[in-house]
Amino acid sequence: MRVLGVGYCTLDQISVVERFAEEDAALEMSKFSVQGGGTAATALTLLARWGVETRFVGKVGKDERGHKIERTLSNEGVDTRAMVLEEGAISQLSFIILESKSGRKKTYYTPGSVSELGVQEIHPEMLDGVSCLLVDGVYPHAQSVLMKAARERNIPVVLKAGGRSSQAAELVGLCDYLVTTERFASRFTGMGQLAELCRALLERGPHTVVVTMGDEGCVAMTRESETMLREPAHEVDVVDVTGSGDVFVGAFVYGILQGWEVSRSVAVANVAAGLSCTDVGARAANVSLEEAAAVLNRR
């Protein structure tokens, strides 16, 4: 099994402070972590840790930060040979500050000067041997080409829409599985009630939709049943929710590869996402498949 992920990647610098600093004040950080970020990139990292062969296509600057972003993936066993390093471009960066007392978070980011991943920088041959294609909607022109090619090869396509994927709406009709946030789904469909919202999304093209709702868990619906499934969030002592939605997507894709029912896939994904919140940053928690399965078995 091989998953091809195409999308945005970044470097997350995450600091933990007891409280946010007042104006012109300086506070000591209790913890500082540097990790890779980005939906497809983080999802592939989880899949690689769970024993799945993975390949990532994204774009960074050909600078020290870009090389560091690449290493956050290749060091996990993700194939990065198709990544594009743009000469003279400054790579993307996110800086996240967590207030330990309240759990509040402030995020500052820059996309750098990296240009959009272009159609000329992706090739249908990237799909050779691929069992599933995962895209995040950030580069719709290039991603749509691969999504159409995957459809022609009967390769299932997963679209994660939300967050930075402001242009993902045009890709909804090209995916088989849509995973999105409640905010994106409501804005996209104009619906507020969850069951109506899911049905409206199914009418746009995908055969399965999953709507994530943070600490309220998620809902899912398939075109075959049109009965809404609701899965509660896995309760943990939350340290940081950064990237938990990306971990959810990775675990959900794992379920697709295994041929699981949607109910089991979202249950495992919810547990994995919850466990990822127990440390700073999505990748530091090092959620294992065995740990997620053990939680489900205790239910």
C-alpha atoms as a PDB file:
ATOM      1  CA  MET A   1       0.000   0.000   0.000  1.00  0.00           C
ATOM      2  CA  ARG A   2       1.245   3.471  -0.850  1.00  0.00           C
ATOM      3  CA  VAL A   3      -0.345   6.846  -0.133  1.00  0.00           C
ATOM      4  CA  LEU A   4       0.537   9.922  -2.163  1.00  0.00           C
ATOM      5  CA  GLY A   5      -0.011  13.178  -0.291  1.00  0.00           C
ATOM      6  CA  VAL A   6       0.023  16.516  -2.105  1.00  0.00           C
ATOM      7  CA  GLY A   7      -0.187  19.830  -0.311  1.00  0.00           C
ATOM      8  CA  TYR A   8       1.167  22.513   1.946  1.00  0.00           C
ATOM      9  CA  CYS A   9       4.012  21.901   4.356  1.00  0.00           C
ATOM     10  CA  THR A  10       5.628  24.188   6.875  1.00  0.00           C
ATOM     11  CA  LEU A  11       7.861  24.379   9.908  1.00  0.00           C
ATOM     12  CA  ASP A  12       6.089  24.866  13.246  1.00  0.00           C
ATOM     13  CA  GLN A  13       7.915  26.570  16.085  1.00  0.00           C
ATOM     14  CA  ILE A  14       5.820  25.989  19.196  1.00  0.00           C
ATOM     15  CA  SER A  15       6.400  27.634  22.559  1.00  0.00           C
ATOM     16  CA  VAL A  16       4.610  27.110  25.871  1.00  0.00           C
ATOM     17  CA  VAL A  17       4.310  29.935  28.402  1.00  0.00           C
ATOM     18  CA  GLU A  18       2.463  30.121  31.697  1.00  0.00           C
ATOM     19  CA  ARG A  19       0.552  33.168  30.466  1.00  0.00           C
ATOM     20  CA  PHE A  20       0.699  35.477  27.480  1.00  0.00           C
ATOM     21  CA  ALA A  21       3.111  38.356  27.956  1.00  0.00           C
ATOM     22  CA  GLU A  22       1.841  41.844  28.527  1.00  0.00           C
ATOM     23  CA  GLU A  23       2.966  44.641  26.223  1.00  0.00           C
ATOM     24  CA  ASP A  24       6.750  45.176  26.304  1.00  0.00           C
ATOM     25  CA  ALA A  25       7.160  42.342  28.838  1.00  0.00           C
ATOM     26  CA  ALA A  26       9.402  39.277  28.495  1.00  0.00           C
ATOM     27  CA  LEU A  27       8.444  35.822  29.763  1.00  0.00           C
ATOM     28  CA  GLU A  28      10.437  32.615  29.892  1.00  0.00           C
ATOM     29  CA  MET A  29       9.167  29.681  27.841  1.00  0.00           C
ATOM     30  CA  SER A  30       8.558  26.472  29.753  1.00  0.00           C
ATOM     31  CA  LYS A  31       8.828  24.391  26.577  1.00  0.00           C
ATOM     32  CA  PHE A  32       9.869  24.947  22.971  1.00  0.00           C
ATOM     33  CA  SER A  33       9.506  22.537  20.072  1.00  0.00           C
ATOM     34  CA  VAL A  34      10.268  22.651  16.350  1.00  0.00           C
ATOM     35  CA  GLN A  35       8.250  20.266  14.180  1.00  0.00           C
ATOM     36  CA  GLY A  36       6.983  19.882  10.658  1.00  0.00           C
ATOM     37  CA  GLY A  37       3.430  20.969   9.909  1.00  0.00           C
ATOM     38  CA  GLY A  38       0.828  20.902   7.184  1.00  0.00           C
ATOM     39  CA  THR A  39      -2.211  18.666   6.707  1.00  0.00           C
ATOM     40  CA  ALA A  40      -1.001  16.173   4.111  1.00  0.00           C
ATOM     41  CA  ALA A  41       2.542  16.216   5.490  1.00  0.00           C
ATOM     42  CA  THR A  42       1.460  15.425   9.055  1.00  0.00           C
ATOM     43  CA  ALA A  43      -1.079  12.831   7.920  1.00  0.00           C
ATOM     44  CA  LEU A  44       1.660  11.048   5.950  1.00  0.00           C
ATOM     45  CA  THR A  45       3.949  11.128   8.978  1.00  0.00           C
ATOM     46  CA  LEU A  46       1.322   9.259  10.992  1.00  0.00           C
ATOM     47  CA  LEU A  47       0.782   6.762   8.181  1.00  0.00           C
ATOM     48  CA  ALA A  48       4.525   6.152   7.866  1.00  0.00           C
ATOM     49  CA  ARG A  49       4.698   5.445  11.604  1.00  0.00           C
ATOM     50  CA  TRP A  50       1.818   3.013  11.159  1.00  0.00           C
ATOM     51  CA  GLY A  51       3.743   1.061   8.540  1.00  0.00           C
ATOM     52  CA  VAL A  52       2.319   2.540   5.324  1.00  0.00           C
ATOM     53  CA  GLU A  53       4.548   3.468   2.388  1.00  0.00           C
ATOM     54  CA  THR A  54       4.118   7.195   1.774  1.00  0.00           C
ATOM     55  CA  ARG A  55       5.218   9.819  -0.732  1.00  0.00           C
ATOM     56  CA  PHE A  56       4.842  13.586  -0.380  1.00  0.00           C
ATOM     57  CA  VAL A  57       4.637  16.280  -3.037  1.00  0.00           C
ATOM     58  CA  GLY A  58       4.900  19.840  -1.778  1.00  0.00           C
ATOM     59  CA  LYS A  59       6.897  22.996  -2.324  1.00  0.00           C
ATOM     60  CA  VAL A  60       9.418  24.863  -0.184  1.00  0.00           C
ATOM     61  CA  GLY A  61      12.219  27.314  -0.747  1.00  0.00           C
ATOM     62  CA  LYS A  62      15.712  26.066  -1.440  1.00  0.00           C
ATOM     63  CA  ASP A  63      16.903  27.515   1.859  1.00  0.00           C
ATOM     64  CA  GLU A  64      17.868  26.095   5.241  1.00  0.00           C
ATOM     65  CA  ARG A  65      14.275  26.145   6.452  1.00  0.00           C
ATOM     66  CA  GLY A  66      13.099  24.325   3.349  1.00  0.00           C
ATOM     67  CA  HIS A  67      15.701  21.614   3.843  1.00  0.00           C
ATOM     68  CA  LYS A  68      14.628  21.322   7.475  1.00  0.00           C
ATOM     69  CA  ILE A  69      10.971  20.908   6.451  1.00  0.00           C
ATOM     70  CA  GLU A  70      12.015  18.160   4.043  1.00  0.00           C
ATOM     71  CA  ARG A  71      13.958  16.400   6.801  1.00  0.00           C
ATOM     72  CA  THR A  72      10.945  16.402   9.149  1.00  0.00           C
ATOM     73  CA  LEU A  73       9.357  14.108   6.579  1.00  0.00           C
ATOM     74  CA  SER A  74      12.235  12.051   5.198  1.00  0.00           C
ATOM     75  CA  ASN A  75      13.485  11.292   8.711  1.00  0.00           C
ATOM     76  CA  GLU A  76      10.097   9.659   9.344  1.00  0.00           C
ATOM     77  CA  GLY A  77      10.428   7.465   6.273  1.00  0.00           C
ATOM     78  CA  VAL A  78       8.246   9.569   3.948  1.00  0.00           C
ATOM     79  CA  ASP A  79       9.490   9.589   0.340  1.00  0.00           C
ATOM     80  CA  THR A  80      10.252  13.260  -0.459  1.00  0.00           C
ATOM     81  CA  ARG A  81      12.003  12.863  -3.795  1.00  0.00           C
ATOM     82  CA  ALA A  82       9.125  14.618  -5.611  1.00  0.00           C
ATOM     83  CA  MET A  83       9.203  17.697  -3.368  1.00  0.00           C
ATOM     84  CA  VAL A  84       9.982  20.958  -5.179  1.00  0.00           C
ATOM     85  CA  LEU A  85      12.699  23.210  -3.741  1.00  0.00           C
ATOM     86  CA  GLU A  86      12.327  26.642  -5.316  1.00  0.00           C
ATOM     87  CA  GLU A  87      15.556  28.508  -5.965  1.00  0.00           C
ATOM     88  CA  GLY A  88      15.714  31.922  -4.273  1.00  0.00           C
ATOM     89  CA  ALA A  89      12.426  31.487  -2.372  1.00  0.00           C
ATOM     90  CA  ILE A  90      11.958  31.909   1.388  1.00  0.00           C
ATOM     91  CA  SER A  91      10.217  28.913   2.987  1.00  0.00           C
ATOM     92  CA  GLN A  92       7.037  29.023   5.026  1.00  0.00           C
ATOM     93  CA  LEU A  93       6.958  29.195   8.837  1.00  0.00           C
ATOM     94  CA  SER A  94       4.430  29.102  11.673  1.00  0.00           C
ATOM     95  CA  PHE A  95       5.049  30.333  15.208  1.00  0.00           C
ATOM     96  CA  ILE A  96       2.599  29.108  17.833  1.00  0.00           C
ATOM     97  CA  ILE A  97       2.361  30.298  21.435  1.00  0.00           C
ATOM     98  CA  LEU A  98       0.433  28.199  23.965  1.00  0.00           C
ATOM     99  CA  GLU A  99      -0.751  29.556  27.290  1.00  0.00           C
ATOM    100  CA  SER A 100      -0.502  26.584  29.667  1.00  0.00           C
ATOM    101  CA  LYS A 101      -2.890  27.975  32.276  1.00  0.00           C
ATOM    102  CA  SER A 102      -5.845  28.471  29.936  1.00  0.00           C
ATOM    103  CA  GLY A 103      -4.985  26.350  26.911  1.00  0.00           C
ATOM    104  CA  ARG A 104      -5.391  29.396  24.675  1.00  0.00           C
ATOM    105  CA  LYS A 105      -3.250  29.618  21.568  1.00  0.00           C
ATOM    106  CA  LYS A 106      -1.900  32.360  19.326  1.00  0.00           C
ATOM    107  CA  THR A 107      -0.590  31.521  15.867  1.00  0.00           C
ATOM    108  CA  TYR A 108       1.528  33.698  13.605  1.00  0.00           C
ATOM    109  CA  TYR A 109       2.559  32.449  10.188  1.00  0.00           C
ATOM    110  CA  THR A 110       4.144  33.452   6.921  1.00  0.00           C
ATOM    111  CA  PRO A 111       3.813  31.635   3.586  1.00  0.00           C
ATOM    112  CA  GLY A 112       7.242  32.973   2.726  1.00  0.00           C
ATOM    113  CA  SER A 113       7.819  33.748  -0.935  1.00  0.00           C
ATOM    114  CA  VAL A 114       7.287  30.217  -2.262  1.00  0.00           C
ATOM    115  CA  SER A 115       5.132  30.181  -5.374  1.00  0.00           C
ATOM    116  CA  GLU A 116       2.123  27.920  -5.842  1.00  0.00           C
ATOM    117  CA  LEU A 117       2.792  24.308  -6.770  1.00  0.00           C
ATOM    118  CA  GLY A 118       2.295  24.357 -10.526  1.00  0.00           C
ATOM    119  CA  VAL A 119       0.672  21.907 -12.895  1.00  0.00           C
ATOM    120  CA  GLN A 120       4.031  21.528 -14.630  1.00  0.00           C
ATOM    121  CA  GLU A 121       5.549  20.332 -11.343  1.00  0.00           C
ATOM    122  CA  ILE A 122       3.289  17.298 -10.954  1.00  0.00           C
ATOM    123  CA  HIS A 123       3.070  14.286 -13.228  1.00  0.00           C
ATOM    124  CA  PRO A 124       0.522  11.444 -13.558  1.00  0.00           C
ATOM    125  CA  GLU A 125       3.401   8.984 -13.112  1.00  0.00           C
ATOM    126  CA  MET A 126       3.441  10.034  -9.461  1.00  0.00           C
ATOM    127  CA  LEU A 127       0.329   7.846  -9.108  1.00  0.00           C
ATOM    128  CA  ASP A 128       2.136   4.668 -10.155  1.00  0.00           C
ATOM    129  CA  GLY A 129       1.696   2.060  -7.428  1.00  0.00           C
ATOM    130  CA  VAL A 130      -0.458   4.395  -5.325  1.00  0.00           C
ATOM    131  CA  SER A 131      -3.383   2.996  -3.321  1.00  0.00           C
ATOM    132  CA  CYS A 132      -4.828   6.336  -2.187  1.00  0.00           C
ATOM    133  CA  LEU A 133      -4.360  10.023  -3.047  1.00  0.00           C
ATOM    134  CA  LEU A 134      -4.635  12.631  -0.282  1.00  0.00           C
ATOM    135  CA  VAL A 135      -4.859  16.350  -1.117  1.00  0.00           C
ATOM    136  CA  ASP A 136      -5.478  19.412   1.043  1.00  0.00           C
ATOM    137  CA  GLY A 137      -6.941  21.851  -1.482  1.00  0.00           C
ATOM    138  CA  VAL A 138      -4.188  24.450  -1.100  1.00  0.00           C
ATOM    139  CA  TYR A 139      -2.942  24.040  -4.686  1.00  0.00           C
ATOM    140  CA  PRO A 140      -6.223  23.433  -6.579  1.00  0.00           C
ATOM    141  CA  HIS A 141      -4.871  23.675 -10.131  1.00  0.00           C
ATOM    142  CA  ALA A 142      -2.137  21.075  -9.695  1.00  0.00           C
ATOM    143  CA  GLN A 143      -4.165  18.941  -7.333  1.00  0.00           C
ATOM    144  CA  SER A 144      -7.176  18.778  -9.660  1.00  0.00           C
ATOM    145  CA  VAL A 145      -4.968  17.310 -12.392  1.00  0.00           C
ATOM    146  CA  LEU A 146      -3.832  14.515 -10.102  1.00  0.00           C
ATOM    147  CA  MET A 147      -7.341  13.964  -8.735  1.00  0.00           C
ATOM    148  CA  LYS A 148      -8.740  13.486 -12.237  1.00  0.00           C
ATOM    149  CA  ALA A 149      -5.884  11.147 -13.140  1.00  0.00           C
ATOM    150  CA  ALA A 150      -6.468   9.153  -9.949  1.00  0.00           C
ATOM    151  CA  ARG A 151     -10.155   8.822 -10.784  1.00  0.00           C
ATOM    152  CA  GLU A 152      -9.243   7.438 -14.208  1.00  0.00           C
ATOM    153  CA  ARG A 153      -7.091   4.813 -12.470  1.00  0.00           C
ATOM    154  CA  ASN A 154      -9.785   4.008  -9.864  1.00  0.00           C
ATOM    155  CA  ILE A 155      -7.525   5.255  -7.086  1.00  0.00           C
ATOM    156  CA  PRO A 156      -9.593   6.572  -4.146  1.00  0.00           C
ATOM    157  CA  VAL A 157      -9.170  10.305  -3.561  1.00  0.00           C
ATOM    158  CA  VAL A 158      -9.383  11.929  -0.126  1.00  0.00           C
ATOM    159  CA  LEU A 159      -9.780  15.703   0.127  1.00  0.00           C
ATOM    160  CA  LYS A 160      -9.183  17.471   3.437  1.00  0.00           C
ATOM    161  CA  ALA A 161     -10.887  20.852   3.115  1.00  0.00           C
ATOM    162  CA  GLY A 162     -10.600  23.584   5.710  1.00  0.00           C
ATOM    163  CA  GLY A 163      -7.992  25.790   7.312  1.00  0.00           C
ATOM    164  CA  ARG A 164      -5.605  26.969   4.605  1.00  0.00           C
ATOM    165  CA  SER A 165      -7.599  25.255   1.809  1.00  0.00           C
ATOM    166  CA  SER A 166      -9.747  28.302   1.019  1.00  0.00           C
ATOM    167  CA  GLN A 167      -9.882  27.322  -2.658  1.00  0.00           C
ATOM    168  CA  ALA A 168     -10.830  23.698  -2.043  1.00  0.00           C
ATOM    169  CA  ALA A 169     -14.499  24.120  -2.946  1.00  0.00           C
ATOM    170  CA  GLU A 170     -13.857  23.470  -6.632  1.00  0.00           C
ATOM    171  CA  LEU A 171     -12.202  20.158  -5.761  1.00  0.00           C
ATOM    172  CA  VAL A 172     -15.108  18.689  -3.784  1.00  0.00           C
ATOM    173  CA  GLY A 173     -16.655  17.172  -6.896  1.00  0.00           C
ATOM    174  CA  LEU A 174     -13.405  15.376  -7.720  1.00  0.00           C
ATOM    175  CA  CYS A 175     -12.976  13.462  -4.468  1.00  0.00           C
ATOM    176  CA  ASP A 176     -14.383  10.182  -3.167  1.00  0.00           C
ATOM    177  CA  TYR A 177     -13.920  10.980   0.527  1.00  0.00           C
ATOM    178  CA  LEU A 178     -14.340  14.491   1.881  1.00  0.00           C
ATOM    179  CA  VAL A 179     -13.053  15.319   5.365  1.00  0.00           C
ATOM    180  CA  THR A 180     -13.796  18.868   6.405  1.00  0.00           C
ATOM    181  CA  THR A 181     -14.500  21.157   9.324  1.00  0.00           C
ATOM    182  CA  GLU A 182     -17.982  22.198  10.368  1.00  0.00           C
ATOM    183  CA  ARG A 183     -17.125  25.829   9.580  1.00  0.00           C
ATOM    184  CA  PHE A 184     -15.985  25.067   6.029  1.00  0.00           C
ATOM    185  CA  ALA A 185     -18.934  22.751   5.390  1.00  0.00           C
ATOM    186  CA  SER A 186     -21.489  25.284   6.623  1.00  0.00           C
ATOM    187  CA  ARG A 187     -19.943  28.078   4.587  1.00  0.00           C
ATOM    188  CA  PHE A 188     -19.718  25.878   1.494  1.00  0.00           C
ATOM    189  CA  THR A 189     -23.281  24.514   1.616  1.00  0.00           C
ATOM    190  CA  GLY A 190     -25.140  27.338   3.379  1.00  0.00           C
ATOM    191  CA  MET A 191     -26.616  24.718   5.722  1.00  0.00           C
ATOM    192  CA  GLY A 192     -26.550  24.725   9.512  1.00  0.00           C
ATOM    193  CA  GLN A 193     -28.201  21.468  10.561  1.00  0.00           C
ATOM    194  CA  LEU A 194     -25.659  18.646  10.486  1.00  0.00           C
ATOM    195  CA  ALA A 195     -27.657  15.979   8.647  1.00  0.00           C
ATOM    196  CA  GLU A 196     -28.756  18.460   5.963  1.00  0.00           C
ATOM    197  CA  LEU A 197     -25.196  19.723   5.717  1.00  0.00           C
ATOM    198  CA  CYS A 198     -23.847  16.195   5.130  1.00  0.00           C
ATOM    199  CA  ARG A 199     -26.470  15.453   2.475  1.00  0.00           C
ATOM    200  CA  ALA A 200     -25.673  18.711   0.702  1.00  0.00           C
ATOM    201  CA  LEU A 201     -21.986  17.778   0.632  1.00  0.00           C
ATOM    202  CA  LEU A 202     -22.774  14.326  -0.777  1.00  0.00           C
ATOM    203  CA  GLU A 203     -24.747  15.965  -3.577  1.00  0.00           C
ATOM    204  CA  ARG A 204     -21.570  17.792  -4.635  1.00  0.00           C
ATOM    205  CA  GLY A 205     -19.785  14.560  -5.604  1.00  0.00           C
ATOM    206  CA  PRO A 206     -18.065  12.551  -2.834  1.00  0.00           C
ATOM    207  CA  HIS A 207     -19.576   9.244  -1.732  1.00  0.00           C
ATOM    208  CA  THR A 208     -18.466   9.696   1.898  1.00  0.00           C
ATOM    209  CA  VAL A 209     -18.271  12.874   3.968  1.00  0.00           C
ATOM    210  CA  VAL A 210     -16.819  13.398   7.431  1.00  0.00           C
ATOM    211  CA  VAL A 211     -17.328  16.667   9.295  1.00  0.00           C
ATOM    212  CA  THR A 212     -15.010  17.248  12.253  1.00  0.00           C
ATOM    213  CA  MET A 213     -16.125  19.391  15.194  1.00  0.00           C
ATOM    214  CA  GLY A 214     -13.185  19.558  17.591  1.00  0.00           C
ATOM    215  CA  ASP A 215     -14.073  18.504  21.120  1.00  0.00           C
ATOM    216  CA  GLU A 216     -17.561  17.540  19.920  1.00  0.00           C
ATOM    217  CA  GLY A 217     -16.175  14.717  17.805  1.00  0.00           C
ATOM    218  CA  CYS A 218     -17.328  14.226  14.243  1.00  0.00           C
ATOM    219  CA  VAL A 219     -20.228  13.145  12.076  1.00  0.00           C
ATOM    220  CA  ALA A 220     -20.113  11.085   8.892  1.00  0.00           C
ATOM    221  CA  MET A 221     -22.485  10.048   6.145  1.00  0.00           C
ATOM    222  CA  THR A 222     -22.261   7.892   3.027  1.00  0.00           C
ATOM    223  CA  ARG A 223     -24.298   8.164  -0.138  1.00  0.00           C
ATOM    224  CA  GLU A 224     -25.467   4.567   0.270  1.00  0.00           C
ATOM    225  CA  SER A 225     -27.131   4.999   3.657  1.00  0.00           C
ATOM    226  CA  GLU A 226     -27.634   8.758   4.154  1.00  0.00           C
ATOM    227  CA  THR A 227     -27.908   7.975   7.859  1.00  0.00           C
ATOM    228  CA  MET A 228     -25.720  10.287   9.871  1.00  0.00           C
ATOM    229  CA  LEU A 229     -23.166   8.588  12.093  1.00  0.00           C
ATOM    230  CA  ARG A 230     -21.982  10.515  15.147  1.00  0.00           C
ATOM    231  CA  GLU A 231     -18.693   9.706  16.878  1.00  0.00           C
ATOM    232  CA  PRO A 232     -17.791  11.487  20.144  1.00  0.00           C
ATOM    233  CA  ALA A 233     -14.350  12.928  20.676  1.00  0.00           C
ATOM    234  CA  HIS A 234     -11.842  10.885  22.618  1.00  0.00           C
ATOM    235  CA  GLU A 235     -11.412  12.644  25.954  1.00  0.00           C
ATOM    236  CA  VAL A 236      -7.839  13.380  27.050  1.00  0.00           C
ATOM    237  CA  ASP A 237      -6.005  15.950  29.118  1.00  0.00           C
ATOM    238  CA  VAL A 238      -5.383  18.413  26.305  1.00  0.00           C
ATOM    239  CA  VAL A 239      -1.969  20.028  26.023  1.00  0.00           C
ATOM    240  CA  ASP A 240      -2.126  21.292  22.443  1.00  0.00           C
ATOM    241  CA  VAL A 241      -4.629  20.754  19.626  1.00  0.00           C
ATOM    242  CA  THR A 242      -2.206  21.855  16.891  1.00  0.00           C
ATOM    243  CA  GLY A 243      -2.392  19.403  13.982  1.00  0.00           C
ATOM    244  CA  SER A 244      -4.931  17.089  15.600  1.00  0.00           C
ATOM    245  CA  GLY A 245      -7.160  17.381  12.536  1.00  0.00           C
ATOM    246  CA  ASP A 246      -4.226  16.329  10.360  1.00  0.00           C
ATOM    247  CA  VAL A 247      -3.678  13.250  12.520  1.00  0.00           C
ATOM    248  CA  PHE A 248      -7.409  12.503  12.178  1.00  0.00           C
ATOM    249  CA  VAL A 249      -7.069  12.499   8.393  1.00  0.00           C
ATOM    250  CA  GLY A 250      -4.041  10.209   8.478  1.00  0.00           C
ATOM    251  CA  ALA A 251      -5.826   7.671  10.664  1.00  0.00           C
ATOM    252  CA  PHE A 252      -8.964   7.895   8.517  1.00  0.00           C
ATOM    253  CA  VAL A 253      -6.930   7.172   5.386  1.00  0.00           C
ATOM    254  CA  TYR A 254      -5.431   4.173   7.179  1.00  0.00           C
ATOM    255  CA  GLY A 255      -8.960   2.851   7.655  1.00  0.00           C
ATOM    256  CA  ILE A 256      -9.665   3.260   3.944  1.00  0.00           C
ATOM    257  CA  LEU A 257      -6.548   1.255   3.104  1.00  0.00           C
ATOM    258  CA  GLN A 258      -7.658  -1.500   5.464  1.00  0.00           C
ATOM    259  CA  GLY A 259     -11.142  -1.653   3.964  1.00  0.00           C
ATOM    260  CA  TRP A 260     -12.803  -0.755   7.267  1.00  0.00           C
ATOM    261  CA  GLU A 261     -16.377   0.416   7.614  1.00  0.00           C
ATOM    262  CA  VAL A 262     -16.652   4.199   7.939  1.00  0.00           C
ATOM    263  CA  SER A 263     -17.776   3.804  11.557  1.00  0.00           C
ATOM    264  CA  ARG A 264     -14.542   2.073  12.517  1.00  0.00           C
ATOM    265  CA  SER A 265     -12.393   4.471  10.495  1.00  0.00           C
ATOM    266  CA  VAL A 266     -13.813   7.565  12.207  1.00  0.00           C
ATOM    267  CA  ALA A 267     -13.626   5.884  15.624  1.00  0.00           C
ATOM    268  CA  VAL A 268      -9.906   5.168  15.202  1.00  0.00           C
ATOM    269  CA  ALA A 269      -9.348   8.633  13.712  1.00  0.00           C
ATOM    270  CA  ASN A 270     -11.050  10.316  16.676  1.00  0.00           C
ATOM    271  CA  VAL A 271      -8.926   8.371  19.151  1.00  0.00           C
ATOM    272  CA  ALA A 272      -5.713   9.142  17.259  1.00  0.00           C
ATOM    273  CA  ALA A 273      -6.600  12.842  17.048  1.00  0.00           C
ATOM    274  CA  GLY A 274      -7.331  12.923  20.773  1.00  0.00           C
ATOM    275  CA  LEU A 275      -4.070  11.222  21.689  1.00  0.00           C
ATOM    276  CA  SER A 276      -2.157  13.694  19.505  1.00  0.00           C
ATOM    277  CA  CYS A 277      -3.371  16.492  21.805  1.00  0.00           C
ATOM    278  CA  THR A 278      -1.502  15.103  24.813  1.00  0.00           C
ATOM    279  CA  ASP A 279       1.816  16.718  23.869  1.00  0.00           C
ATOM    280  CA  VAL A 280       3.032  19.883  22.189  1.00  0.00           C
ATOM    281  CA  GLY A 281       2.505  19.716  18.430  1.00  0.00           C
ATOM    282  CA  ALA A 282       0.831  16.977  16.410  1.00  0.00           C
ATOM    283  CA  ARG A 283       3.963  14.950  15.756  1.00  0.00           C
ATOM    284  CA  ALA A 284       5.507  14.955  19.243  1.00  0.00           C
ATOM    285  CA  ALA A 285       2.760  12.769  20.740  1.00  0.00           C
ATOM    286  CA  ASN A 286       3.888   9.863  18.523  1.00  0.00           C
ATOM    287  CA  VAL A 287       0.470   8.207  18.453  1.00  0.00           C
ATOM    288  CA  SER A 288       0.807   4.496  17.732  1.00  0.00           C
ATOM    289  CA  LEU A 289      -1.710   2.237  16.015  1.00  0.00           C
ATOM    290  CA  GLU A 290      -1.463  -0.172  18.944  1.00  0.00           C
ATOM    291  CA  GLU A 291      -2.318   2.600  21.406  1.00  0.00           C
ATOM    292  CA  ALA A 292      -5.322   3.737  19.387  1.00  0.00           C
ATOM    293  CA  ALA A 293      -6.565   0.126  19.048  1.00  0.00           C
ATOM    294  CA  ALA A 294      -6.115  -0.445  22.773  1.00  0.00           C
ATOM    295  CA  VAL A 295      -8.327   2.547  23.560  1.00  0.00           C
ATOM    296  CA  LEU A 296     -11.074   1.235  21.285  1.00  0.00           C
ATOM    297  CA  ASN A 297     -10.836  -2.232  22.815  1.00  0.00           C
ATOM    298  CA  ARG A 298     -11.390  -0.772  26.288  1.00  0.00           C
ATOM    299  CA  ARG A 299     -14.722   0.750  25.278  1.00  0.00           C
END
